[in-house]
Protein backbone atom coordinates (compact mmCIF):
# COMPACT_ATOMS: atom_id res chain seq x y z
CA UNK A 1 107.35 -44.14 182.72
CA UNK A 2 104.94 -41.52 184.23
CA UNK A 3 105.98 -38.32 184.82
CA UNK A 4 105.78 -36.27 187.91
CA UNK A 5 102.75 -34.43 186.06
CA UNK A 6 100.96 -37.65 185.15
CA UNK A 7 100.91 -38.81 188.69
CA UNK A 8 99.90 -35.53 190.22
CA UNK A 9 96.90 -35.71 187.32
CA UNK A 10 96.06 -39.25 188.41
CA UNK A 11 96.10 -38.10 191.94
CA UNK A 12 93.71 -35.03 191.27
CA UNK A 13 91.46 -37.18 189.28
CA UNK A 14 91.11 -39.82 192.03
CA UNK A 15 90.54 -37.28 194.60
CA UNK A 16 87.68 -35.79 192.65
CA UNK A 17 86.09 -38.65 191.99
CA UNK A 18 86.12 -40.09 195.36
CA UNK A 19 83.29 -41.12 197.14
CA UNK A 20 83.71 -38.46 200.16
CA UNK A 21 84.07 -35.81 197.09
CA UNK A 22 81.26 -36.86 195.14
CA UNK A 23 78.82 -36.86 197.96
CA UNK A 24 79.89 -33.83 199.77
CA UNK A 25 81.10 -31.53 196.97
CA UNK A 26 80.35 -32.76 193.59
CA UNK A 27 76.53 -34.06 193.89
CA UNK A 28 75.28 -31.11 196.09
CA UNK A 29 76.84 -28.45 193.43
CA UNK A 30 75.22 -30.60 190.46
CA UNK A 31 71.78 -30.62 192.43
CA UNK A 32 72.03 -26.98 193.16
CA UNK A 33 72.54 -26.28 189.50
CA UNK A 34 69.97 -28.55 188.39
CA UNK A 35 67.54 -27.28 190.80
CA UNK A 36 68.35 -23.60 189.90
CA UNK A 37 67.62 -24.26 186.25
CA UNK A 38 64.62 -26.40 186.62
CA UNK A 39 63.01 -23.63 188.92
CA UNK A 40 64.09 -20.75 186.78
CA UNK A 41 66.81 -19.53 188.73
CA UNK A 42 65.01 -20.21 192.37
CA UNK A 43 65.67 -22.74 194.87
CA UNK A 44 63.00 -24.40 196.89
CA UNK A 45 64.97 -24.56 199.92
CA UNK A 46 63.83 -25.83 203.38
CA UNK A 47 66.69 -25.26 206.05
CA UNK A 48 65.51 -27.53 208.68
CA UNK A 49 66.84 -30.28 206.56
CA UNK A 50 70.44 -29.05 206.81
CA UNK A 51 70.51 -30.57 210.21
CA UNK A 52 70.48 -33.87 208.62
CA UNK A 53 73.10 -33.06 206.16
CA UNK A 54 75.32 -31.67 208.97
CA UNK A 55 74.38 -35.24 210.96
CA UNK A 56 75.51 -37.03 207.94
CA UNK A 57 78.78 -35.53 207.35
CA UNK A 58 79.82 -35.48 210.71
CA UNK A 59 79.00 -39.05 211.12
CA UNK A 60 81.24 -39.69 208.02
CA UNK A 61 84.14 -37.75 209.44
CA UNK A 62 84.00 -38.74 213.29
CA UNK A 63 83.65 -42.54 212.05
CA UNK A 64 86.47 -42.15 210.10
CA UNK A 65 88.36 -40.73 212.82
CA UNK A 66 87.32 -43.19 215.06
CA UNK A 67 88.09 -46.03 212.74
CA UNK A 68 91.74 -44.73 212.17
CA UNK A 69 92.19 -44.31 215.88
CA UNK A 70 91.58 -47.50 216.96
CA UNK A 71 92.04 -49.67 213.63
CA UNK A 72 94.92 -47.91 212.15
CA UNK A 73 95.22 -47.64 208.39
CA UNK A 74 94.02 -44.93 206.57
CA UNK A 75 90.76 -43.22 205.50
CA UNK A 76 89.68 -45.82 203.25
CA UNK A 77 90.18 -49.15 201.87
CA UNK A 78 93.03 -48.51 200.02
CA UNK A 79 95.12 -48.62 203.24
CA UNK A 80 92.77 -51.06 205.10
CA UNK A 81 92.70 -50.64 209.01
CA UNK A 82 95.34 -52.91 210.82
CA UNK A 83 92.93 -53.70 213.64
CA UNK A 84 89.24 -55.18 213.53
CA UNK A 85 87.09 -52.11 215.05
CA UNK A 86 83.87 -53.50 216.98
CA UNK A 87 83.09 -50.91 219.23
CA UNK A 88 81.58 -47.35 219.09
CA UNK A 89 79.61 -46.63 216.03
CA UNK A 90 80.79 -49.85 214.64
CA UNK A 91 79.16 -51.87 216.99
CA UNK A 92 75.79 -50.83 215.64
CA UNK A 93 76.47 -50.62 211.83
CA UNK A 94 79.48 -52.32 209.91
CA UNK A 95 79.60 -49.04 207.83
CA UNK A 96 78.81 -46.01 209.54
CA UNK A 97 80.93 -44.02 207.44
CA UNK A 98 79.12 -44.81 204.20
CA UNK A 99 75.73 -44.64 206.37
CA UNK A 100 76.86 -40.94 206.82
CA UNK A 101 76.93 -40.43 202.97
CA UNK A 102 73.22 -41.49 202.45
CA UNK A 103 72.07 -39.47 205.18
CA UNK A 104 73.78 -36.25 203.84
CA UNK A 105 72.45 -37.14 200.64
CA UNK A 106 68.89 -37.76 202.10
CA UNK A 107 69.11 -34.28 203.75
CA UNK A 108 70.31 -32.71 200.58
CA UNK A 109 67.04 -34.27 198.80
CA UNK A 110 64.56 -32.97 201.50
CA UNK A 111 66.24 -29.53 201.83
CA UNK A 112 66.03 -28.85 198.25
CA UNK A 113 62.80 -30.88 197.44
CA UNK A 114 64.75 -32.52 194.92
CA UNK A 115 64.24 -35.73 192.98
CA UNK A 116 67.53 -35.69 191.66
CA UNK A 117 69.27 -35.60 195.11
CA UNK A 118 66.88 -38.55 195.97
CA UNK A 119 67.97 -40.57 192.82
CA UNK A 120 71.55 -39.84 193.71
CA UNK A 121 71.05 -40.87 197.34
CA UNK A 122 69.43 -44.11 196.01
CA UNK A 123 72.21 -44.73 193.51
CA UNK A 124 75.09 -44.52 196.20
CA UNK A 125 73.34 -46.92 198.50
CA UNK A 126 73.38 -49.47 195.69
CA UNK A 127 77.15 -48.31 194.71
CA UNK A 128 78.13 -48.49 198.16
CA UNK A 129 76.16 -51.77 198.71
CA UNK A 130 78.43 -53.52 195.85
CA UNK A 131 81.71 -51.79 197.44
CA UNK A 132 80.52 -53.22 200.80
CA UNK A 133 80.57 -56.76 199.68
CA UNK A 134 83.98 -56.25 198.28
CA UNK A 135 85.45 -54.84 201.24
CA UNK A 136 83.89 -57.81 203.79
CA UNK A 137 85.58 -60.28 201.49
CA UNK A 138 88.71 -58.31 201.88
CA UNK A 139 88.35 -58.11 205.57
CA UNK A 140 87.42 -61.64 205.99
CA UNK A 141 90.49 -62.37 204.35
CA UNK A 142 92.49 -60.04 206.99
CA UNK A 143 90.86 -60.83 209.99
CA UNK A 144 89.31 -64.39 209.73
CA UNK A 145 86.96 -65.82 212.18
CA UNK A 146 86.75 -62.78 214.28
CA UNK A 147 85.14 -60.65 211.46
CA UNK A 148 83.05 -63.48 210.41
CA UNK A 149 81.95 -63.48 214.08
CA UNK A 150 81.25 -59.74 213.43
CA UNK A 151 79.48 -59.98 210.17
CA UNK A 152 76.92 -62.11 212.10
CA UNK A 153 76.35 -59.77 215.14
CA UNK A 154 76.26 -56.49 213.44
CA UNK A 155 74.08 -55.33 210.53
CA UNK A 156 75.50 -54.14 207.16
CA UNK A 157 73.66 -50.75 207.71
CA UNK A 158 71.49 -50.41 210.90
CA UNK A 159 68.41 -52.74 210.15
CA UNK A 160 70.07 -55.36 207.82
């Protein structure tokens, strides 16, 4: 039988390895540390790209709040939505929250002139694409024909 300490540790590990923590906390810390080491203690930093980072984070947060407000459920697929959301940002992309992660990481790569951040952004795209395929099959089971129709009308990301 698991003790309360084991449960707390498991929740802490899950929180630290969750997508939002990785994208918005862990990856930026790792990238800044790596760039400081590679740059001999100096960062090559272009503050204009912070706008892209802010946009990506805001998109993630605001789309998440929108999905919870209109679809119910929780912030992730651990607690899937009760209702299908096809309006607002979800009328243009089936995954605007995941897209927010990628926009943020692209901004990080550009702001720090970092190949590591660019590689993490590309890896995140592949990771989310695999996750989205799993999510989509779960949502087809949950919502049936209306979700299948949504799949044919709205692109997975923005263009495809």
